[in-house]
Amino acid sequence: QACVLARERKTDSGSTKYLVGYYVAGADGDHEGLTEAIIIEKLSK
């Protein structure tokens, strides 16, 4: 499962919007080795 939200973070110069991806890994062993770097790499493609 996945859900993406736009969040806002306060900074010294104001505020910045950014995207947050929430995910639930599968119950089986199919999520072994699933890291944030791998998810970002696959999404970037």
ModelCIF file with pLDDT and N, C-alpha, C, O atoms, coordinates in Angstrom:
data_MODEL
#
_entry.id   MODEL 
#
_entity.id                         1 
_entity.type                       polymer 
_entity.pdbx_number_of_molecules   1 
#
_entity_poly.entity_id                      1 
_entity_poly.type                           'polypeptide(L)' 
_entity_poly.nstd_linkage                   no 
_entity_poly.nstd_monomer                   no 
_entity_poly.pdbx_seq_one_letter_code       QACVLARERKTDSGSTKYLVGYYVAGADGDHEGLTEAIIIEKLSK 
_entity_poly.pdbx_seq_one_letter_code_can   QACVLARERKTDSGSTKYLVGYYVAGADGDHEGLTEAIIIEKLSK 
_entity_poly.pdbx_strand_id                 A 
#
loop_
_entity_poly_seq.entity_id 
_entity_poly_seq.num 
_entity_poly_seq.mon_id 
_entity_poly_seq.hetero 
1 1  GLN n 
1 2  ALA n 
1 3  CYS n 
1 4  VAL n 
1 5  LEU n 
1 6  ALA n 
1 7  ARG n 
1 8  GLU n 
1 9  ARG n 
1 10 LYS n 
1 11 THR n 
1 12 ASP n 
1 13 SER n 
1 14 GLY n 
1 15 SER n 
1 16 THR n 
1 17 LYS n 
1 18 TYR n 
1 19 LEU n 
1 20 VAL n 
1 21 GLY n 
1 22 TYR n 
1 23 TYR n 
1 24 VAL n 
1 25 ALA n 
1 26 GLY n 
1 27 ALA n 
1 28 ASP n 
1 29 GLY n 
1 30 ASP n 
1 31 HIS n 
1 32 GLU n 
1 33 GLY n 
1 34 LEU n 
1 35 THR n 
1 36 GLU n 
1 37 ALA n 
1 38 ILE n 
1 39 ILE n 
1 40 ILE n 
1 41 GLU n 
1 42 LYS n 
1 43 LEU n 
1 44 SER n 
1 45 LYS n 
#
_struct_asym.id          A 
_struct_asym.entity_id   1 
#
loop_
_ma_qa_metric.id 
_ma_qa_metric.mode 
_ma_qa_metric.name 
_ma_qa_metric.software_group_id 
_ma_qa_metric.type 
1 global pLDDT . pLDDT 
2 local  pLDDT . pLDDT 
#
_ma_qa_metric_global.metric_id      1 
_ma_qa_metric_global.metric_value   87.24 
_ma_qa_metric_global.model_id       1 
_ma_qa_metric_global.ordinal_id     1 
#
loop_
_ma_qa_metric_local.label_asym_id 
_ma_qa_metric_local.label_comp_id 
_ma_qa_metric_local.label_seq_id 
_ma_qa_metric_local.metric_id 
_ma_qa_metric_local.metric_value 
_ma_qa_metric_local.model_id 
_ma_qa_metric_local.ordinal_id 
A GLN 1  2 95.00 1 1  
A ALA 2  2 96.00 1 2  
A CYS 3  2 96.00 1 3  
A VAL 4  2 96.00 1 4  
A LEU 5  2 95.00 1 5  
A ALA 6  2 94.00 1 6  
A ARG 7  2 93.00 1 7  
A GLU 8  2 89.00 1 8  
A ARG 9  2 85.00 1 9  
A LYS 10 2 83.00 1 10 
A THR 11 2 78.00 1 11 
A ASP 12 2 82.00 1 12 
A SER 13 2 82.00 1 13 
A GLY 14 2 82.00 1 14 
A SER 15 2 84.00 1 15 
A THR 16 2 87.00 1 16 
A LYS 17 2 91.00 1 17 
A TYR 18 2 93.00 1 18 
A LEU 19 2 95.00 1 19 
A VAL 20 2 96.00 1 20 
A GLY 21 2 96.00 1 21 
A TYR 22 2 96.00 1 22 
A TYR 23 2 95.00 1 23 
A VAL 24 2 94.00 1 24 
A ALA 25 2 91.00 1 25 
A GLY 26 2 82.00 1 26 
A ALA 27 2 70.00 1 27 
A ASP 28 2 64.00 1 28 
A GLY 29 2 57.00 1 29 
A ASP 30 2 58.00 1 30 
A HIS 31 2 60.00 1 31 
A GLU 32 2 67.00 1 32 
A GLY 33 2 75.00 1 33 
A LEU 34 2 87.00 1 34 
A THR 35 2 91.00 1 35 
A GLU 36 2 92.00 1 36 
A ALA 37 2 93.00 1 37 
A ILE 38 2 94.00 1 38 
A ILE 39 2 95.00 1 39 
A ILE 40 2 96.00 1 40 
A GLU 41 2 96.00 1 41 
A LYS 42 2 96.00 1 42 
A LEU 43 2 97.00 1 43 
A SER 44 2 96.00 1 44 
A LYS 45 2 96.00 1 45 
#
loop_
_atom_site.group_PDB 
_atom_site.id 
_atom_site.type_symbol 
_atom_site.label_atom_id 
_atom_site.label_alt_id 
_atom_site.label_comp_id 
_atom_site.label_asym_id 
_atom_site.label_entity_id 
_atom_site.label_seq_id 
_atom_site.pdbx_PDB_ins_code 
_atom_site.Cartn_x 
_atom_site.Cartn_y 
_atom_site.Cartn_z 
_atom_site.occupancy 
_atom_site.B_iso_or_equiv 
_atom_site.pdbx_formal_charge 
_atom_site.auth_seq_id 
_atom_site.auth_comp_id 
_atom_site.auth_asym_id 
_atom_site.auth_atom_id 
_atom_site.pdbx_PDB_model_num 
ATOM 1   N N  . GLN A 1 1  ? 0.847  -1.192  0.000   1.00 95.00 ? 1  GLN A N  1 
ATOM 2   C CA . GLN A 1 1  ? 0.000  0.000   0.000   1.00 95.00 ? 1  GLN A CA 1 
ATOM 3   C C  . GLN A 1 1  ? 0.878  1.236   0.000   1.00 95.00 ? 1  GLN A C  1 
ATOM 4   O O  . GLN A 1 1  ? 2.002  1.209   0.500   1.00 95.00 ? 1  GLN A O  1 
ATOM 5   N N  . ALA A 1 2  ? 0.357  2.329   -0.568  1.00 96.00 ? 2  ALA A N  1 
ATOM 6   C CA . ALA A 1 2  ? 1.112  3.579   -0.588  1.00 96.00 ? 2  ALA A CA 1 
ATOM 7   C C  . ALA A 1 2  ? 0.164  4.764   -0.490  1.00 96.00 ? 2  ALA A C  1 
ATOM 8   O O  . ALA A 1 2  ? -0.980 4.705   -0.939  1.00 96.00 ? 2  ALA A O  1 
ATOM 9   N N  . CYS A 1 3  ? 0.657  5.825   0.099   1.00 96.00 ? 3  CYS A N  1 
ATOM 10  C CA . CYS A 1 3  ? -0.078 7.082   0.213   1.00 96.00 ? 3  CYS A CA 1 
ATOM 11  C C  . CYS A 1 3  ? 0.958  8.203   0.117   1.00 96.00 ? 3  CYS A C  1 
ATOM 12  O O  . CYS A 1 3  ? 2.037  8.110   0.702   1.00 96.00 ? 3  CYS A O  1 
ATOM 13  N N  . VAL A 1 4  ? 0.627  9.249   -0.615  1.00 96.00 ? 4  VAL A N  1 
ATOM 14  C CA . VAL A 1 4  ? 1.542  10.383  -0.760  1.00 96.00 ? 4  VAL A CA 1 
ATOM 15  C C  . VAL A 1 4  ? 0.810  11.644  -0.328  1.00 96.00 ? 4  VAL A C  1 
ATOM 16  O O  . VAL A 1 4  ? -0.330 11.879  -0.731  1.00 96.00 ? 4  VAL A O  1 
ATOM 17  N N  . LEU A 1 5  ? 1.463  12.447  0.485   1.00 95.00 ? 5  LEU A N  1 
ATOM 18  C CA . LEU A 1 5  ? 0.903  13.710  0.957   1.00 95.00 ? 5  LEU A CA 1 
ATOM 19  C C  . LEU A 1 5  ? 1.876  14.845  0.670   1.00 95.00 ? 5  LEU A C  1 
ATOM 20  O O  . LEU A 1 5  ? 3.089  14.645  0.613   1.00 95.00 ? 5  LEU A O  1 
ATOM 21  N N  . ALA A 1 6  ? 1.327  16.029  0.492   1.00 94.00 ? 6  ALA A N  1 
ATOM 22  C CA . ALA A 1 6  ? 2.139  17.243  0.404   1.00 94.00 ? 6  ALA A CA 1 
ATOM 23  C C  . ALA A 1 6  ? 2.172  17.835  1.805   1.00 94.00 ? 6  ALA A C  1 
ATOM 24  O O  . ALA A 1 6  ? 1.126  18.121  2.388   1.00 94.00 ? 6  ALA A O  1 
ATOM 25  N N  . ARG A 1 7  ? 3.349  18.017  2.335   1.00 93.00 ? 7  ARG A N  1 
ATOM 26  C CA . ARG A 1 7  ? 3.523  18.596  3.673   1.00 93.00 ? 7  ARG A CA 1 
ATOM 27  C C  . ARG A 1 7  ? 4.232  19.937  3.526   1.00 93.00 ? 7  ARG A C  1 
ATOM 28  O O  . ARG A 1 7  ? 4.796  20.257  2.480   1.00 93.00 ? 7  ARG A O  1 
ATOM 29  N N  . GLU A 1 8  ? 4.184  20.707  4.605   1.00 89.00 ? 8  GLU A N  1 
ATOM 30  C CA . GLU A 1 8  ? 4.834  22.012  4.616   1.00 89.00 ? 8  GLU A CA 1 
ATOM 31  C C  . GLU A 1 8  ? 5.781  22.076  5.797   1.00 89.00 ? 8  GLU A C  1 
ATOM 32  O O  . GLU A 1 8  ? 5.427  21.704  6.916   1.00 89.00 ? 8  GLU A O  1 
ATOM 33  N N  . ARG A 1 9  ? 6.994  22.554  5.535   1.00 85.00 ? 9  ARG A N  1 
ATOM 34  C CA . ARG A 1 9  ? 8.004  22.672  6.587   1.00 85.00 ? 9  ARG A CA 1 
ATOM 35  C C  . ARG A 1 9  ? 8.405  24.126  6.717   1.00 85.00 ? 9  ARG A C  1 
ATOM 36  O O  . ARG A 1 9  ? 8.681  24.786  5.715   1.00 85.00 ? 9  ARG A O  1 
ATOM 37  N N  . LYS A 1 10 ? 8.440  24.632  7.933   1.00 83.00 ? 10 LYS A N  1 
ATOM 38  C CA . LYS A 1 10 ? 8.863  26.008  8.188   1.00 83.00 ? 10 LYS A CA 1 
ATOM 39  C C  . LYS A 1 10 ? 10.379 26.086  8.128   1.00 83.00 ? 10 LYS A C  1 
ATOM 40  O O  . LYS A 1 10 ? 11.085 25.252  8.693   1.00 83.00 ? 10 LYS A O  1 
ATOM 41  N N  . THR A 1 11 ? 10.862 27.107  7.431   1.00 78.00 ? 11 THR A N  1 
ATOM 42  C CA . THR A 1 11 ? 12.301 27.351  7.339   1.00 78.00 ? 11 THR A CA 1 
ATOM 43  C C  . THR A 1 11 ? 12.572 28.788  7.767   1.00 78.00 ? 11 THR A C  1 
ATOM 44  O O  . THR A 1 11 ? 11.646 29.548  8.048   1.00 78.00 ? 11 THR A O  1 
ATOM 45  N N  . ASP A 1 12 ? 13.842 29.150  7.814   1.00 82.00 ? 12 ASP A N  1 
ATOM 46  C CA . ASP A 1 12 ? 14.202 30.513  8.191   1.00 82.00 ? 12 ASP A CA 1 
ATOM 47  C C  . ASP A 1 12 ? 13.663 31.536  7.191   1.00 82.00 ? 12 ASP A C  1 
ATOM 48  O O  . ASP A 1 12 ? 13.323 32.659  7.563   1.00 82.00 ? 12 ASP A O  1 
ATOM 49  N N  . SER A 1 13 ? 13.588 31.140  5.924   1.00 82.00 ? 13 SER A N  1 
ATOM 50  C CA . SER A 1 13 ? 13.143 32.075  4.882   1.00 82.00 ? 13 SER A CA 1 
ATOM 51  C C  . SER A 1 13 ? 11.656 31.954  4.557   1.00 82.00 ? 13 SER A C  1 
ATOM 52  O O  . SER A 1 13 ? 11.188 32.557  3.591   1.00 82.00 ? 13 SER A O  1 
ATOM 53  N N  . GLY A 1 14 ? 10.921 31.200  5.333   1.00 82.00 ? 14 GLY A N  1 
ATOM 54  C CA . GLY A 1 14 ? 9.479  31.047  5.091   1.00 82.00 ? 14 GLY A CA 1 
ATOM 55  C C  . GLY A 1 14 ? 9.052  29.604  5.286   1.00 82.00 ? 14 GLY A C  1 
ATOM 56  O O  . GLY A 1 14 ? 9.332  28.996  6.319   1.00 82.00 ? 14 GLY A O  1 
ATOM 57  N N  . SER A 1 15 ? 8.371  29.061  4.286   1.00 84.00 ? 15 SER A N  1 
ATOM 58  C CA . SER A 1 15 ? 7.964  27.667  4.371   1.00 84.00 ? 15 SER A CA 1 
ATOM 59  C C  . SER A 1 15 ? 8.175  27.001  3.013   1.00 84.00 ? 15 SER A C  1 
ATOM 60  O O  . SER A 1 15 ? 8.164  27.654  1.970   1.00 84.00 ? 15 SER A O  1 
ATOM 61  N N  . THR A 1 16 ? 8.365  25.696  3.059   1.00 87.00 ? 16 THR A N  1 
ATOM 62  C CA . THR A 1 16 ? 8.632  24.915  1.865   1.00 87.00 ? 16 THR A CA 1 
ATOM 63  C C  . THR A 1 16 ? 7.676  23.732  1.815   1.00 87.00 ? 16 THR A C  1 
ATOM 64  O O  . THR A 1 16 ? 7.483  23.044  2.818   1.00 87.00 ? 16 THR A O  1 
ATOM 65  N N  . LYS A 1 17 ? 7.078  23.493  0.652   1.00 91.00 ? 17 LYS A N  1 
ATOM 66  C CA . LYS A 1 17 ? 6.248  22.305  0.472   1.00 91.00 ? 17 LYS A CA 1 
ATOM 67  C C  . LYS A 1 17 ? 7.113  21.182  -0.065  1.00 91.00 ? 17 LYS A C  1 
ATOM 68  O O  . LYS A 1 17 ? 8.026  21.408  -0.859  1.00 91.00 ? 17 LYS A O  1 
ATOM 69  N N  . TYR A 1 18 ? 6.812  19.961  0.377   1.00 93.00 ? 18 TYR A N  1 
ATOM 70  C CA . TYR A 1 18 ? 7.530  18.787  -0.094  1.00 93.00 ? 18 TYR A CA 1 
ATOM 71  C C  . TYR A 1 18 ? 6.592  17.592  -0.066  1.00 93.00 ? 18 TYR A C  1 
ATOM 72  O O  . TYR A 1 18 ? 5.545  17.634  0.580   1.00 93.00 ? 18 TYR A O  1 
ATOM 73  N N  . LEU A 1 19 ? 6.965  16.529  -0.763  1.00 95.00 ? 19 LEU A N  1 
ATOM 74  C CA . LEU A 1 19 ? 6.154  15.326  -0.835  1.00 95.00 ? 19 LEU A CA 1 
ATOM 75  C C  . LEU A 1 19 ? 6.672  14.274  0.131   1.00 95.00 ? 19 LEU A C  1 
ATOM 76  O O  . LEU A 1 19 ? 7.880  14.088  0.279   1.00 95.00 ? 19 LEU A O  1 
ATOM 77  N N  . VAL A 1 20 ? 5.735  13.583  0.790   1.00 96.00 ? 20 VAL A N  1 
ATOM 78  C CA . VAL A 1 20 ? 6.079  12.481  1.681   1.00 96.00 ? 20 VAL A CA 1 
ATOM 79  C C  . VAL A 1 20 ? 5.362  11.236  1.168   1.00 96.00 ? 20 VAL A C  1 
ATOM 80  O O  . VAL A 1 20 ? 4.149  11.251  0.959   1.00 96.00 ? 20 VAL A O  1 
ATOM 81  N N  . GLY A 1 21 ? 6.112  10.169  0.970   1.00 96.00 ? 21 GLY A N  1 
ATOM 82  C CA . GLY A 1 21 ? 5.537  8.896   0.548   1.00 96.00 ? 21 GLY A CA 1 
ATOM 83  C C  . GLY A 1 21 ? 5.473  7.940   1.725   1.00 96.00 ? 21 GLY A C  1 
ATOM 84  O O  . GLY A 1 21 ? 6.498  7.609   2.320   1.00 96.00 ? 21 GLY A O  1 
ATOM 85  N N  . TYR A 1 22 ? 4.275  7.500   2.058   1.00 96.00 ? 22 TYR A N  1 
ATOM 86  C CA . TYR A 1 22 ? 4.070  6.514   3.120   1.00 96.00 ? 22 TYR A CA 1 
ATOM 87  C C  . TYR A 1 22 ? 3.814  5.174   2.445   1.00 96.00 ? 22 TYR A C  1 
ATOM 88  O O  . TYR A 1 22 ? 3.111  5.112   1.437   1.00 96.00 ? 22 TYR A O  1 
ATOM 89  N N  . TYR A 1 23 ? 4.374  4.109   2.988   1.00 95.00 ? 23 TYR A N  1 
ATOM 90  C CA . TYR A 1 23 ? 4.158  2.805   2.379   1.00 95.00 ? 23 TYR A CA 1 
ATOM 91  C C  . TYR A 1 23 ? 4.100  1.701   3.421   1.00 95.00 ? 23 TYR A C  1 
ATOM 92  O O  . TYR A 1 23 ? 4.693  1.788   4.496   1.00 95.00 ? 23 TYR A O  1 
ATOM 93  N N  . VAL A 1 24 ? 3.358  0.652   3.056   1.00 94.00 ? 24 VAL A N  1 
ATOM 94  C CA . VAL A 1 24 ? 3.259  -0.557  3.872   1.00 94.00 ? 24 VAL A CA 1 
ATOM 95  C C  . VAL A 1 24 ? 3.871  -1.669  3.037   1.00 94.00 ? 24 VAL A C  1 
ATOM 96  O O  . VAL A 1 24 ? 3.447  -1.919  1.909   1.00 94.00 ? 24 VAL A O  1 
ATOM 97  N N  . ALA A 1 25 ? 4.881  -2.339  3.607   1.00 91.00 ? 25 ALA A N  1 
ATOM 98  C CA . ALA A 1 25 ? 5.537  -3.428  2.888   1.00 91.00 ? 25 ALA A CA 1 
ATOM 99  C C  . ALA A 1 25 ? 4.657  -4.669  2.934   1.00 91.00 ? 25 ALA A C  1 
ATOM 100 O O  . ALA A 1 25 ? 3.839  -4.834  3.838   1.00 91.00 ? 25 ALA A O  1 
ATOM 101 N N  . GLY A 1 26 ? 4.837  -5.538  1.947   1.00 82.00 ? 26 GLY A N  1 
ATOM 102 C CA . GLY A 1 26 ? 4.078  -6.780  1.882   1.00 82.00 ? 26 GLY A CA 1 
ATOM 103 C C  . GLY A 1 26 ? 4.372  -7.672  3.070   1.00 82.00 ? 26 GLY A C  1 
ATOM 104 O O  . GLY A 1 26 ? 5.440  -7.575  3.675   1.00 82.00 ? 26 GLY A O  1 
ATOM 105 N N  . ALA A 1 27 ? 3.436  -8.534  3.403   1.00 70.00 ? 27 ALA A N  1 
ATOM 106 C CA . ALA A 1 27 ? 3.581  -9.419  4.551   1.00 70.00 ? 27 ALA A CA 1 
ATOM 107 C C  . ALA A 1 27 ? 4.551  -10.562 4.277   1.00 70.00 ? 27 ALA A C  1 
ATOM 108 O O  . ALA A 1 27 ? 5.163  -11.094 5.203   1.00 70.00 ? 27 ALA A O  1 
ATOM 109 N N  . ASP A 1 28 ? 4.693  -10.938 3.018   1.00 64.00 ? 28 ASP A N  1 
ATOM 110 C CA . ASP A 1 28 ? 5.585  -12.036 2.664   1.00 64.00 ? 28 ASP A CA 1 
ATOM 111 C C  . ASP A 1 28 ? 7.037  -11.573 2.732   1.00 64.00 ? 28 ASP A C  1 
ATOM 112 O O  . ASP A 1 28 ? 7.318  -10.448 3.146   1.00 64.00 ? 28 ASP A O  1 
ATOM 113 N N  . GLY A 1 29 ? 7.932  -12.425 2.333   1.00 57.00 ? 29 GLY A N  1 
ATOM 114 C CA . GLY A 1 29 ? 9.346  -12.076 2.296   1.00 57.00 ? 29 GLY A CA 1 
ATOM 115 C C  . GLY A 1 29 ? 9.724  -11.290 1.064   1.00 57.00 ? 29 GLY A C  1 
ATOM 116 O O  . GLY A 1 29 ? 10.910 -11.084 0.806   1.00 57.00 ? 29 GLY A O  1 
ATOM 117 N N  . ASP A 1 30 ? 8.723  -10.835 0.276   1.00 58.00 ? 30 ASP A N  1 
ATOM 118 C CA . ASP A 1 30 ? 9.026  -10.130 -0.972  1.00 58.00 ? 30 ASP A CA 1 
ATOM 119 C C  . ASP A 1 30 ? 9.537  -8.717  -0.753  1.00 58.00 ? 30 ASP A C  1 
ATOM 120 O O  . ASP A 1 30 ? 9.918  -8.053  -1.716  1.00 58.00 ? 30 ASP A O  1 
ATOM 121 N N  . HIS A 1 31 ? 9.558  -8.240  0.479   1.00 60.00 ? 31 HIS A N  1 
ATOM 122 C CA . HIS A 1 31 ? 10.048 -6.888  0.738   1.00 60.00 ? 31 HIS A CA 1 
ATOM 123 C C  . HIS A 1 31 ? 11.459 -6.893  1.326   1.00 60.00 ? 31 HIS A C  1 
ATOM 124 O O  . HIS A 1 31 ? 11.963 -5.852  1.749   1.00 60.00 ? 31 HIS A O  1 
ATOM 125 N N  . GLU A 1 32 ? 12.094 -8.063  1.352   1.00 67.00 ? 32 GLU A N  1 
ATOM 126 C CA . GLU A 1 32 ? 13.463 -8.136  1.842   1.00 67.00 ? 32 GLU A CA 1 
ATOM 127 C C  . GLU A 1 32 ? 14.358 -7.282  0.953   1.00 67.00 ? 32 GLU A C  1 
ATOM 128 O O  . GLU A 1 32 ? 14.274 -7.358  -0.273  1.00 67.00 ? 32 GLU A O  1 
ATOM 129 N N  . GLY A 1 33 ? 15.192 -6.492  1.552   1.00 75.00 ? 33 GLY A N  1 
ATOM 130 C CA . GLY A 1 33 ? 16.105 -5.647  0.787   1.00 75.00 ? 33 GLY A CA 1 
ATOM 131 C C  . GLY A 1 33 ? 15.462 -4.380  0.255   1.00 75.00 ? 33 GLY A C  1 
ATOM 132 O O  . GLY A 1 33 ? 16.089 -3.647  -0.510  1.00 75.00 ? 33 GLY A O  1 
ATOM 133 N N  . LEU A 1 34 ? 14.230 -4.109  0.641   1.00 87.00 ? 34 LEU A N  1 
ATOM 134 C CA . LEU A 1 34 ? 13.528 -2.901  0.189   1.00 87.00 ? 34 LEU A CA 1 
ATOM 135 C C  . LEU A 1 34 ? 13.967 -1.739  1.086   1.00 87.00 ? 34 LEU A C  1 
ATOM 136 O O  . LEU A 1 34 ? 13.568 -1.658  2.248   1.00 87.00 ? 34 LEU A O  1 
ATOM 137 N N  . THR A 1 35 ? 14.789 -0.845  0.539   1.00 91.00 ? 35 THR A N  1 
ATOM 138 C CA . THR A 1 35 ? 15.284 0.297   1.301   1.00 91.00 ? 35 THR A CA 1 
ATOM 139 C C  . THR A 1 35 ? 14.759 1.580   0.674   1.00 91.00 ? 35 THR A C  1 
ATOM 140 O O  . THR A 1 35 ? 14.236 1.570   -0.441  1.00 91.00 ? 35 THR A O  1 
ATOM 141 N N  . GLU A 1 36 ? 14.901 2.671   1.392   1.00 92.00 ? 36 GLU A N  1 
ATOM 142 C CA . GLU A 1 36 ? 14.471 3.968   0.863   1.00 92.00 ? 36 GLU A CA 1 
ATOM 143 C C  . GLU A 1 36 ? 15.243 4.306   -0.406  1.00 92.00 ? 36 GLU A C  1 
ATOM 144 O O  . GLU A 1 36 ? 14.674 4.852   -1.351  1.00 92.00 ? 36 GLU A O  1 
ATOM 145 N N  . ALA A 1 37 ? 16.518 3.991   -0.435  1.00 93.00 ? 37 ALA A N  1 
ATOM 146 C CA . ALA A 1 37 ? 17.336 4.286   -1.616  1.00 93.00 ? 37 ALA A CA 1 
ATOM 147 C C  . ALA A 1 37 ? 16.831 3.522   -2.836  1.00 93.00 ? 37 ALA A C  1 
ATOM 148 O O  . ALA A 1 37 ? 16.797 4.069   -3.938  1.00 93.00 ? 37 ALA A O  1 
ATOM 149 N N  . ILE A 1 38 ? 16.442 2.272   -2.651  1.00 94.00 ? 38 ILE A N  1 
ATOM 150 C CA . ILE A 1 38 ? 15.931 1.470   -3.762  1.00 94.00 ? 38 ILE A CA 1 
ATOM 151 C C  . ILE A 1 38 ? 14.592 2.015   -4.238  1.00 94.00 ? 38 ILE A C  1 
ATOM 152 O O  . ILE A 1 38 ? 14.345 2.085   -5.442  1.00 94.00 ? 38 ILE A O  1 
ATOM 153 N N  . ILE A 1 39 ? 13.724 2.404   -3.306  1.00 95.00 ? 39 ILE A N  1 
ATOM 154 C CA . ILE A 1 39 ? 12.418 2.961   -3.677  1.00 95.00 ? 39 ILE A CA 1 
ATOM 155 C C  . ILE A 1 39 ? 12.611 4.249   -4.470  1.00 95.00 ? 39 ILE A C  1 
ATOM 156 O O  . ILE A 1 39 ? 11.976 4.440   -5.507  1.00 95.00 ? 39 ILE A O  1 
ATOM 157 N N  . ILE A 1 40 ? 13.483 5.132   -3.990  1.00 96.00 ? 40 ILE A N  1 
ATOM 158 C CA . ILE A 1 40 ? 13.748 6.397   -4.689  1.00 96.00 ? 40 ILE A CA 1 
ATOM 159 C C  . ILE A 1 40 ? 14.314 6.123   -6.080  1.00 96.00 ? 40 ILE A C  1 
ATOM 160 O O  . ILE A 1 40 ? 13.923 6.769   -7.052  1.00 96.00 ? 40 ILE A O  1 
ATOM 161 N N  . GLU A 1 41 ? 15.222 5.178   -6.171  1.00 96.00 ? 41 GLU A N  1 
ATOM 162 C CA . GLU A 1 41 ? 15.824 4.835   -7.465  1.00 96.00 ? 41 GLU A CA 1 
ATOM 163 C C  . GLU A 1 41 ? 14.758 4.341   -8.445  1.00 96.00 ? 41 GLU A C  1 
ATOM 164 O O  . GLU A 1 41 ? 14.740 4.759   -9.603  1.00 96.00 ? 41 GLU A O  1 
ATOM 165 N N  . LYS A 1 42 ? 13.878 3.463   -7.991  1.00 96.00 ? 42 LYS A N  1 
ATOM 166 C CA . LYS A 1 42 ? 12.841 2.921   -8.872  1.00 96.00 ? 42 LYS A CA 1 
ATOM 167 C C  . LYS A 1 42 ? 11.825 3.982   -9.261  1.00 96.00 ? 42 LYS A C  1 
ATOM 168 O O  . LYS A 1 42 ? 11.356 3.997   -10.399 1.00 96.00 ? 42 LYS A O  1 
ATOM 169 N N  . LEU A 1 43 ? 11.478 4.870   -8.336  1.00 97.00 ? 43 LEU A N  1 
ATOM 170 C CA . LEU A 1 43 ? 10.541 5.944   -8.658  1.00 97.00 ? 43 LEU A CA 1 
ATOM 171 C C  . LEU A 1 43 ? 11.173 6.924   -9.645  1.00 97.00 ? 43 LEU A C  1 
ATOM 172 O O  . LEU A 1 43 ? 10.485 7.452   -10.519 1.00 97.00 ? 43 LEU A O  1 
ATOM 173 N N  . SER A 1 44 ? 12.472 7.171   -9.514  1.00 96.00 ? 44 SER A N  1 
ATOM 174 C CA . SER A 1 44 ? 13.169 8.103   -10.406 1.00 96.00 ? 44 SER A CA 1 
ATOM 175 C C  . SER A 1 44 ? 13.180 7.617   -11.851 1.00 96.00 ? 44 SER A C  1 
ATOM 176 O O  . SER A 1 44 ? 13.320 8.418   -12.775 1.00 96.00 ? 44 SER A O  1 
ATOM 177 N N  . LYS A 1 45 ? 13.033 6.314   -12.049 1.00 96.00 ? 45 LYS A N  1 
ATOM 178 C CA . LYS A 1 45 ? 13.015 5.758   -13.402 1.00 96.00 ? 45 LYS A CA 1 
ATOM 179 C C  . LYS A 1 45 ? 11.680 5.980   -14.108 1.00 96.00 ? 45 LYS A C  1 
ATOM 180 O O  . LYS A 1 45 ? 11.513 5.567   -15.256 1.00 96.00 ? 45 LYS A O  1 
#
